[in-house]
Amino acid sequence: MKKIFSVIEYMSTMERKLSIQEISAALDLSTATVYRILTGLKSMGYVEQHANKQYYLTYKLYQLSGDVINRDDAIDKIIPIMNYLSMRYGCEVGLAAFHEMSIIHIISVGENISFGTLYPMPGQTFSSYCTAAGKLFLAQMEPDALVEWLARERIVPHTRNTIIDRDELLREIDRTRAQGYGVVVGELYDLIACVAFPVHDGSGAITGTLNLSFTVEDFKRHMGEDFVKEVEDTLKSFGI
């Protein structure tokens, strides 16, 4: 089972069709094993084979993720709040969850904001250090664990505004912890600012974030104590 998912995960990271030999070499699996796995995945509709004998994943995995989202009662409850916030502030509102040390995008509603050549899609993952949701997630870590993670994490600039200095990033995470919400301005996408507010479960633990994304100009117009308080009060009124 582990080998099957290793093949799926590897194929999902590649932006092209792959041969059995390429997958075999990348994962240190025999070509016979890879062939057997791909044959099984193909029979179930998860993989297609191109005429040149190269393989690629189909959209069936995407369909499965959509089915999971549609069955999630928590998402049903939170979408009306997302719609309200989007209409109230004229922004895009996304729901994100924490996956290992990355942020996984679940769903978006509202205004379509241009993110350059990329658009956040369900299941897409983002680095923690340059996203508002990620900074909020990192702020929940124990200080020693956070320092260790930053020491080994590969931190690269996505834009000229991305904070790549580890000491500065630690200070930014400290500010996030103190204020209770995360902020990025042009760190992941040049002209986009985002504010991430925590989503809590029944025990009070933070399980994800609501992310309000604006153009930088609109962010500067909205951002302030009144905006933060209004959003936080709205989430509290819905028990989030």
C-alpha atoms as a PDB file:
ATOM      1  CA  MET A   1       0.000   0.000   0.000  1.00  0.00           C
ATOM      2  CA  LYS A   2       2.830   2.409   0.850  1.00  0.00           C
ATOM      3  CA  LYS A   3       4.428   1.805  -2.551  1.00  0.00           C
ATOM      4  CA  ILE A   4       1.149   2.579  -4.316  1.00  0.00           C
ATOM      5  CA  PHE A   5       0.789   5.926  -2.581  1.00  0.00           C
ATOM      6  CA  SER A   6       4.445   6.756  -3.119  1.00  0.00           C
ATOM      7  CA  VAL A   7       3.853   6.374  -6.864  1.00  0.00           C
ATOM      8  CA  ILE A   8       0.702   8.533  -6.728  1.00  0.00           C
ATOM      9  CA  GLU A   9       2.413  11.238  -4.692  1.00  0.00           C
ATOM     10  CA  TYR A  10       5.460  11.298  -6.948  1.00  0.00           C
ATOM     11  CA  MET A  11       3.357  11.542 -10.097  1.00  0.00           C
ATOM     12  CA  SER A  12       1.322  14.358  -8.560  1.00  0.00           C
ATOM     13  CA  THR A  13       4.467  16.476  -8.130  1.00  0.00           C
ATOM     14  CA  MET A  14       5.542  16.168 -11.760  1.00  0.00           C
ATOM     15  CA  GLU A  15       4.199  18.477 -14.451  1.00  0.00           C
ATOM     16  CA  ARG A  16       4.592  15.971 -17.263  1.00  0.00           C
ATOM     17  CA  LYS A  17       3.834  12.397 -18.223  1.00  0.00           C
ATOM     18  CA  LEU A  18       6.216   9.770 -16.861  1.00  0.00           C
ATOM     19  CA  SER A  19       7.614   6.474 -18.057  1.00  0.00           C
ATOM     20  CA  ILE A  20       7.822   3.358 -15.914  1.00  0.00           C
ATOM     21  CA  GLN A  21      11.607   3.659 -15.939  1.00  0.00           C
ATOM     22  CA  GLU A  22      11.520   7.250 -14.640  1.00  0.00           C
ATOM     23  CA  ILE A  23       9.206   6.347 -11.770  1.00  0.00           C
ATOM     24  CA  SER A  24      11.250   3.267 -10.986  1.00  0.00           C
ATOM     25  CA  ALA A  25      14.510   5.234 -10.789  1.00  0.00           C
ATOM     26  CA  ALA A  26      13.008   8.091  -8.749  1.00  0.00           C
ATOM     27  CA  LEU A  27      11.415   5.815  -6.136  1.00  0.00           C
ATOM     28  CA  ASP A  28      13.966   2.992  -6.152  1.00  0.00           C
ATOM     29  CA  LEU A  29      11.318   0.454  -7.105  1.00  0.00           C
ATOM     30  CA  SER A  30      11.691  -2.303  -9.652  1.00  0.00           C
ATOM     31  CA  THR A  31      10.141  -1.689 -13.067  1.00  0.00           C
ATOM     32  CA  ALA A  32       7.979  -4.780 -12.528  1.00  0.00           C
ATOM     33  CA  THR A  33       6.595  -3.299  -9.298  1.00  0.00           C
ATOM     34  CA  VAL A  34       5.891   0.073 -10.923  1.00  0.00           C
ATOM     35  CA  TYR A  35       4.228  -1.619 -13.894  1.00  0.00           C
ATOM     36  CA  ARG A  36       1.989  -3.661 -11.589  1.00  0.00           C
ATOM     37  CA  ILE A  37       1.010  -0.553  -9.573  1.00  0.00           C
ATOM     38  CA  LEU A  38       0.280   1.535 -12.689  1.00  0.00           C
ATOM     39  CA  THR A  39      -1.752  -1.290 -14.231  1.00  0.00           C
ATOM     40  CA  GLY A  40      -3.903  -1.476 -11.102  1.00  0.00           C
ATOM     41  CA  LEU A  41      -4.342   2.309 -10.933  1.00  0.00           C
ATOM     42  CA  LYS A  42      -5.220   2.400 -14.621  1.00  0.00           C
ATOM     43  CA  SER A  43      -7.893  -0.272 -14.200  1.00  0.00           C
ATOM     44  CA  MET A  44      -9.499   1.865 -11.458  1.00  0.00           C
ATOM     45  CA  GLY A  45      -9.392   5.062 -13.489  1.00  0.00           C
ATOM     46  CA  TYR A  46      -6.691   6.894 -11.509  1.00  0.00           C
ATOM     47  CA  VAL A  47      -4.050   6.707 -14.234  1.00  0.00           C
ATOM     48  CA  GLU A  48      -4.101   6.950 -18.014  1.00  0.00           C
ATOM     49  CA  GLN A  49      -1.448   5.782 -20.449  1.00  0.00           C
ATOM     50  CA  HIS A  50      -0.405   8.007 -23.336  1.00  0.00           C
ATOM     51  CA  ALA A  51       0.291   6.629 -26.791  1.00  0.00           C
ATOM     52  CA  ASN A  52       4.035   6.918 -26.122  1.00  0.00           C
ATOM     53  CA  LYS A  53       3.632   4.556 -23.133  1.00  0.00           C
ATOM     54  CA  GLN A  54       4.028   7.336 -20.586  1.00  0.00           C
ATOM     55  CA  TYR A  55       1.602   7.630 -17.691  1.00  0.00           C
ATOM     56  CA  TYR A  56      -0.254  10.492 -15.983  1.00  0.00           C
ATOM     57  CA  LEU A  57      -2.801  10.902 -13.209  1.00  0.00           C
ATOM     58  CA  THR A  58      -6.442  11.536 -14.100  1.00  0.00           C
ATOM     59  CA  TYR A  59      -8.877  13.888 -12.379  1.00  0.00           C
ATOM     60  CA  LYS A  60     -10.408  11.031 -10.383  1.00  0.00           C
ATOM     61  CA  LEU A  61      -8.306  11.991  -7.351  1.00  0.00           C
ATOM     62  CA  TYR A  62      -9.652  15.527  -7.708  1.00  0.00           C
ATOM     63  CA  GLN A  63     -13.168  14.082  -7.745  1.00  0.00           C
ATOM     64  CA  LEU A  64     -12.464  12.160  -4.549  1.00  0.00           C
ATOM     65  CA  SER A  65     -11.229  15.282  -2.780  1.00  0.00           C
ATOM     66  CA  GLY A  66     -14.425  17.043  -3.872  1.00  0.00           C
ATOM     67  CA  ASP A  67     -16.497  14.212  -2.416  1.00  0.00           C
ATOM     68  CA  VAL A  68     -14.652  14.558   0.903  1.00  0.00           C
ATOM     69  CA  ILE A  69     -15.302  18.298   0.971  1.00  0.00           C
ATOM     70  CA  ASN A  70     -18.989  17.780   0.181  1.00  0.00           C
ATOM     71  CA  ARG A  71     -19.344  15.303   3.061  1.00  0.00           C
ATOM     72  CA  ASP A  72     -17.652  17.551   5.613  1.00  0.00           C
ATOM     73  CA  ASP A  73     -20.326  19.047   7.895  1.00  0.00           C
ATOM     74  CA  ALA A  74     -17.854  21.591   9.266  1.00  0.00           C
ATOM     75  CA  ILE A  75     -17.352  23.024   5.782  1.00  0.00           C
ATOM     76  CA  ASP A  76     -21.120  23.255   5.273  1.00  0.00           C
ATOM     77  CA  LYS A  77     -21.332  25.329   8.429  1.00  0.00           C
ATOM     78  CA  ILE A  78     -18.445  27.613   7.584  1.00  0.00           C
ATOM     79  CA  ILE A  79     -19.260  28.436   3.948  1.00  0.00           C
ATOM     80  CA  PRO A  80     -22.082  30.873   4.866  1.00  0.00           C
ATOM     81  CA  ILE A  81     -19.613  32.762   7.057  1.00  0.00           C
ATOM     82  CA  MET A  82     -17.111  32.826   4.222  1.00  0.00           C
ATOM     83  CA  ASN A  83     -19.786  34.171   1.879  1.00  0.00           C
ATOM     84  CA  TYR A  84     -20.712  36.883   4.373  1.00  0.00           C
ATOM     85  CA  LEU A  85     -17.110  38.019   4.882  1.00  0.00           C
ATOM     86  CA  SER A  86     -16.489  38.010   1.142  1.00  0.00           C
ATOM     87  CA  MET A  87     -19.510  40.203   0.459  1.00  0.00           C
ATOM     88  CA  ARG A  88     -18.815  42.429   3.453  1.00  0.00           C
ATOM     89  CA  TYR A  89     -15.262  43.274   2.416  1.00  0.00           C
ATOM     90  CA  GLY A  90     -15.275  42.550  -1.310  1.00  0.00           C
ATOM     91  CA  CYS A  91     -12.483  40.022  -0.995  1.00  0.00           C
ATOM     92  CA  GLU A  92     -11.756  36.370  -1.645  1.00  0.00           C
ATOM     93  CA  VAL A  93     -12.118  34.141   1.415  1.00  0.00           C
ATOM     94  CA  GLY A  94     -10.340  30.809   1.558  1.00  0.00           C
ATOM     95  CA  LEU A  95     -10.434  27.927   4.000  1.00  0.00           C
ATOM     96  CA  ALA A  96      -7.112  26.225   4.718  1.00  0.00           C
ATOM     97  CA  ALA A  97      -5.994  23.344   6.913  1.00  0.00           C
ATOM     98  CA  PHE A  98      -2.612  22.305   8.245  1.00  0.00           C
ATOM     99  CA  HIS A  99      -0.943  19.312   6.601  1.00  0.00           C
ATOM    100  CA  GLU A 100       2.325  18.269   8.191  1.00  0.00           C
ATOM    101  CA  MET A 101       4.393  21.473   7.874  1.00  0.00           C
ATOM    102  CA  SER A 102       2.511  22.878   4.890  1.00  0.00           C
ATOM    103  CA  ILE A 103      -0.779  24.646   4.347  1.00  0.00           C
ATOM    104  CA  ILE A 104      -3.399  22.863   2.261  1.00  0.00           C
ATOM    105  CA  HIS A 105      -6.040  24.939   0.479  1.00  0.00           C
ATOM    106  CA  ILE A 106      -9.564  23.521   0.855  1.00  0.00           C
ATOM    107  CA  ILE A 107     -11.991  25.901  -0.841  1.00  0.00           C
ATOM    108  CA  SER A 108     -12.474  29.560  -1.810  1.00  0.00           C
ATOM    109  CA  VAL A 109     -15.505  31.813  -2.228  1.00  0.00           C
ATOM    110  CA  GLY A 110     -16.005  35.381  -3.355  1.00  0.00           C
ATOM    111  CA  GLU A 111     -14.153  37.812  -5.538  1.00  0.00           C
ATOM    112  CA  ASN A 112     -11.788  36.390  -8.119  1.00  0.00           C
ATOM    113  CA  ILE A 113      -8.450  37.998  -7.361  1.00  0.00           C
ATOM    114  CA  SER A 114      -5.623  37.685  -9.872  1.00  0.00           C
ATOM    115  CA  PHE A 115      -2.738  35.714  -8.360  1.00  0.00           C
ATOM    116  CA  GLY A 116      -0.580  36.069 -11.451  1.00  0.00           C
ATOM    117  CA  THR A 117      -0.231  32.763 -13.279  1.00  0.00           C
ATOM    118  CA  LEU A 118      -1.329  30.658 -10.281  1.00  0.00           C
ATOM    119  CA  TYR A 119      -4.705  30.183  -8.666  1.00  0.00           C
ATOM    120  CA  PRO A 120      -5.270  28.373  -5.387  1.00  0.00           C
ATOM    121  CA  MET A 121      -6.984  25.079  -6.136  1.00  0.00           C
ATOM    122  CA  PRO A 122      -8.463  22.581  -3.662  1.00  0.00           C
ATOM    123  CA  GLY A 123      -5.684  20.341  -2.397  1.00  0.00           C
ATOM    124  CA  GLN A 124      -2.907  22.736  -3.372  1.00  0.00           C
ATOM    125  CA  THR A 125      -0.234  23.093  -0.718  1.00  0.00           C
ATOM    126  CA  PHE A 126       1.759  26.190   0.194  1.00  0.00           C
ATOM    127  CA  SER A 127       4.850  26.875   2.238  1.00  0.00           C
ATOM    128  CA  SER A 128       4.245  27.923   5.825  1.00  0.00           C
ATOM    129  CA  TYR A 129       6.822  30.691   6.061  1.00  0.00           C
ATOM    130  CA  CYS A 130       5.361  32.961   3.355  1.00  0.00           C
ATOM    131  CA  THR A 131       1.614  32.581   3.927  1.00  0.00           C
ATOM    132  CA  ALA A 132      -0.643  34.202   6.506  1.00  0.00           C
ATOM    133  CA  ALA A 133      -2.125  30.812   7.440  1.00  0.00           C
ATOM    134  CA  GLY A 134       1.355  29.335   7.711  1.00  0.00           C
ATOM    135  CA  LYS A 135       2.597  32.027  10.058  1.00  0.00           C
ATOM    136  CA  LEU A 136      -0.403  31.422  12.281  1.00  0.00           C
ATOM    137  CA  PHE A 137       0.369  27.698  12.223  1.00  0.00           C
ATOM    138  CA  LEU A 138       4.047  28.258  13.028  1.00  0.00           C
ATOM    139  CA  ALA A 139       3.043  30.521  15.912  1.00  0.00           C
ATOM    140  CA  GLN A 140       1.429  27.489  17.599  1.00  0.00           C
ATOM    141  CA  MET A 141       4.698  25.544  17.670  1.00  0.00           C
ATOM    142  CA  GLU A 142       6.903  25.200  20.711  1.00  0.00           C
ATOM    143  CA  PRO A 143       9.804  27.705  20.446  1.00  0.00           C
ATOM    144  CA  ASP A 144      12.543  25.047  20.301  1.00  0.00           C
ATOM    145  CA  ALA A 145      10.691  23.032  17.654  1.00  0.00           C
ATOM    146  CA  LEU A 146      10.119  26.189  15.626  1.00  0.00           C
ATOM    147  CA  VAL A 147      13.799  27.148  15.710  1.00  0.00           C
ATOM    148  CA  GLU A 148      14.773  23.615  14.663  1.00  0.00           C
ATOM    149  CA  TRP A 149      12.285  23.658  11.807  1.00  0.00           C
ATOM    150  CA  LEU A 150      13.489  27.036  10.541  1.00  0.00           C
ATOM    151  CA  ALA A 151      17.094  25.851  10.692  1.00  0.00           C
ATOM    152  CA  ARG A 152      16.453  22.942   8.331  1.00  0.00           C
ATOM    153  CA  GLU A 153      13.703  24.446   6.152  1.00  0.00           C
ATOM    154  CA  ARG A 154      14.690  25.630   2.690  1.00  0.00           C
ATOM    155  CA  ILE A 155      13.495  29.244   2.630  1.00  0.00           C
ATOM    156  CA  VAL A 156      13.444  30.855  -0.791  1.00  0.00           C
ATOM    157  CA  PRO A 157      11.899  34.128  -2.008  1.00  0.00           C
ATOM    158  CA  HIS A 158       8.617  33.838  -3.913  1.00  0.00           C
ATOM    159  CA  THR A 159       8.597  37.606  -4.404  1.00  0.00           C
ATOM    160  CA  ARG A 160      10.848  40.498  -3.448  1.00  0.00           C
ATOM    161  CA  ASN A 161       8.735  40.873  -0.286  1.00  0.00           C
ATOM    162  CA  THR A 162       9.163  37.322   1.007  1.00  0.00           C
ATOM    163  CA  ILE A 163      10.849  37.276   4.391  1.00  0.00           C
ATOM    164  CA  ILE A 164      13.819  34.942   4.038  1.00  0.00           C
ATOM    165  CA  ASP A 165      15.966  36.109   6.967  1.00  0.00           C
ATOM    166  CA  ARG A 166      15.348  33.555   9.710  1.00  0.00           C
ATOM    167  CA  ASP A 167      15.718  36.026  12.588  1.00  0.00           C
ATOM    168  CA  GLU A 168      13.268  38.424  10.986  1.00  0.00           C
ATOM    169  CA  LEU A 169      10.891  35.549  10.316  1.00  0.00           C
ATOM    170  CA  LEU A 170      11.051  34.522  13.986  1.00  0.00           C
ATOM    171  CA  ARG A 171      10.151  38.063  14.995  1.00  0.00           C
ATOM    172  CA  GLU A 172       7.260  38.021  12.539  1.00  0.00           C
ATOM    173  CA  ILE A 173       5.986  34.739  14.000  1.00  0.00           C
ATOM    174  CA  ASP A 174       6.253  36.212  17.506  1.00  0.00           C
ATOM    175  CA  ARG A 175       4.088  39.143  16.375  1.00  0.00           C
ATOM    176  CA  THR A 176       1.598  36.694  14.867  1.00  0.00           C
ATOM    177  CA  ARG A 177       1.421  34.767  18.137  1.00  0.00           C
ATOM    178  CA  ALA A 178       0.823  37.960  20.111  1.00  0.00           C
ATOM    179  CA  GLN A 179      -1.888  39.355  17.832  1.00  0.00           C
ATOM    180  CA  GLY A 180      -3.659  36.045  17.182  1.00  0.00           C
ATOM    181  CA  TYR A 181      -3.854  36.282  13.391  1.00  0.00           C
ATOM    182  CA  GLY A 182      -1.420  36.052  10.481  1.00  0.00           C
ATOM    183  CA  VAL A 183      -0.636  38.651   7.838  1.00  0.00           C
ATOM    184  CA  VAL A 184       1.367  38.652   4.619  1.00  0.00           C
ATOM    185  CA  VAL A 185       1.675  41.509   2.148  1.00  0.00           C
ATOM    186  CA  GLY A 186       3.018  40.480  -1.224  1.00  0.00           C
ATOM    187  CA  GLU A 187       5.097  37.582   0.127  1.00  0.00           C
ATOM    188  CA  LEU A 188       3.569  34.739  -1.889  1.00  0.00           C
ATOM    189  CA  TYR A 189       2.076  36.796  -4.723  1.00  0.00           C
ATOM    190  CA  ASP A 190       3.391  40.270  -5.488  1.00  0.00           C
ATOM    191  CA  LEU A 191       0.144  42.247  -5.425  1.00  0.00           C
ATOM    192  CA  ILE A 192      -1.876  40.188  -2.953  1.00  0.00           C
ATOM    193  CA  ALA A 193      -2.194  40.679   0.806  1.00  0.00           C
ATOM    194  CA  CYS A 194      -3.840  38.147   3.095  1.00  0.00           C
ATOM    195  CA  VAL A 195      -5.070  38.044   6.687  1.00  0.00           C
ATOM    196  CA  ALA A 196      -5.568  34.606   8.276  1.00  0.00           C
ATOM    197  CA  PHE A 197      -7.859  34.107  11.254  1.00  0.00           C
ATOM    198  CA  PRO A 198      -7.900  30.845  13.239  1.00  0.00           C
ATOM    199  CA  VAL A 199     -10.661  28.261  12.966  1.00  0.00           C
ATOM    200  CA  HIS A 200     -11.188  26.318  16.204  1.00  0.00           C
ATOM    201  CA  ASP A 201     -12.734  22.921  16.849  1.00  0.00           C
ATOM    202  CA  GLY A 202     -15.014  22.073  19.738  1.00  0.00           C
ATOM    203  CA  SER A 203     -12.086  21.774  22.158  1.00  0.00           C
ATOM    204  CA  GLY A 204     -10.686  25.174  21.205  1.00  0.00           C
ATOM    205  CA  ALA A 205      -7.744  23.796  19.226  1.00  0.00           C
ATOM    206  CA  ILE A 206      -6.819  25.585  16.000  1.00  0.00           C
ATOM    207  CA  THR A 207      -7.557  23.236  13.094  1.00  0.00           C
ATOM    208  CA  GLY A 208      -7.290  25.650  10.176  1.00  0.00           C
ATOM    209  CA  THR A 209      -7.707  29.228   9.044  1.00  0.00           C
ATOM    210  CA  LEU A 210     -10.042  31.551   7.205  1.00  0.00           C
ATOM    211  CA  ASN A 211      -7.942  33.621   4.834  1.00  0.00           C
ATOM    212  CA  LEU A 212      -9.175  36.975   3.554  1.00  0.00           C
ATOM    213  CA  SER A 213      -7.241  37.948   0.426  1.00  0.00           C
ATOM    214  CA  PHE A 214      -7.151  41.476  -0.988  1.00  0.00           C
ATOM    215  CA  THR A 215      -5.229  43.487  -3.488  1.00  0.00           C
ATOM    216  CA  VAL A 216      -2.558  45.378  -1.571  1.00  0.00           C
ATOM    217  CA  GLU A 217      -4.463  48.634  -2.105  1.00  0.00           C
ATOM    218  CA  ASP A 218      -7.707  47.229  -0.672  1.00  0.00           C
ATOM    219  CA  PHE A 219      -5.798  45.639   2.199  1.00  0.00           C
ATOM    220  CA  LYS A 220      -4.365  49.012   3.209  1.00  0.00           C
ATOM    221  CA  ARG A 221      -7.857  50.497   3.067  1.00  0.00           C
ATOM    222  CA  HIS A 222      -9.438  47.821   5.271  1.00  0.00           C
ATOM    223  CA  MET A 223      -6.696  46.767   7.653  1.00  0.00           C
ATOM    224  CA  GLY A 224      -6.924  48.168  11.147  1.00  0.00           C
ATOM    225  CA  GLU A 225      -8.177  47.418  14.649  1.00  0.00           C
ATOM    226  CA  ASP A 226     -11.842  47.855  13.678  1.00  0.00           C
ATOM    227  CA  PHE A 227     -11.519  45.397  10.780  1.00  0.00           C
ATOM    228  CA  VAL A 228      -9.772  42.773  12.920  1.00  0.00           C
ATOM    229  CA  LYS A 229     -12.285  43.123  15.745  1.00  0.00           C
ATOM    230  CA  GLU A 230     -15.252  42.877  13.406  1.00  0.00           C
ATOM    231  CA  VAL A 231     -13.967  39.701  11.753  1.00  0.00           C
ATOM    232  CA  GLU A 232     -13.029  38.122  15.099  1.00  0.00           C
ATOM    233  CA  ASP A 233     -16.440  39.014  16.575  1.00  0.00           C
ATOM    234  CA  THR A 234     -18.165  37.523  13.531  1.00  0.00           C
ATOM    235  CA  LEU A 235     -16.272  34.256  13.885  1.00  0.00           C
ATOM    236  CA  LYS A 236     -16.954  34.099  17.619  1.00  0.00           C
ATOM    237  CA  SER A 237     -20.680  34.673  17.032  1.00  0.00           C
ATOM    238  CA  PHE A 238     -20.697  31.544  14.870  1.00  0.00           C
ATOM    239  CA  GLY A 239     -18.654  29.563  17.389  1.00  0.00           C
ATOM    240  CA  ILE A 240     -15.550  29.408  15.205  1.00  0.00           C
END
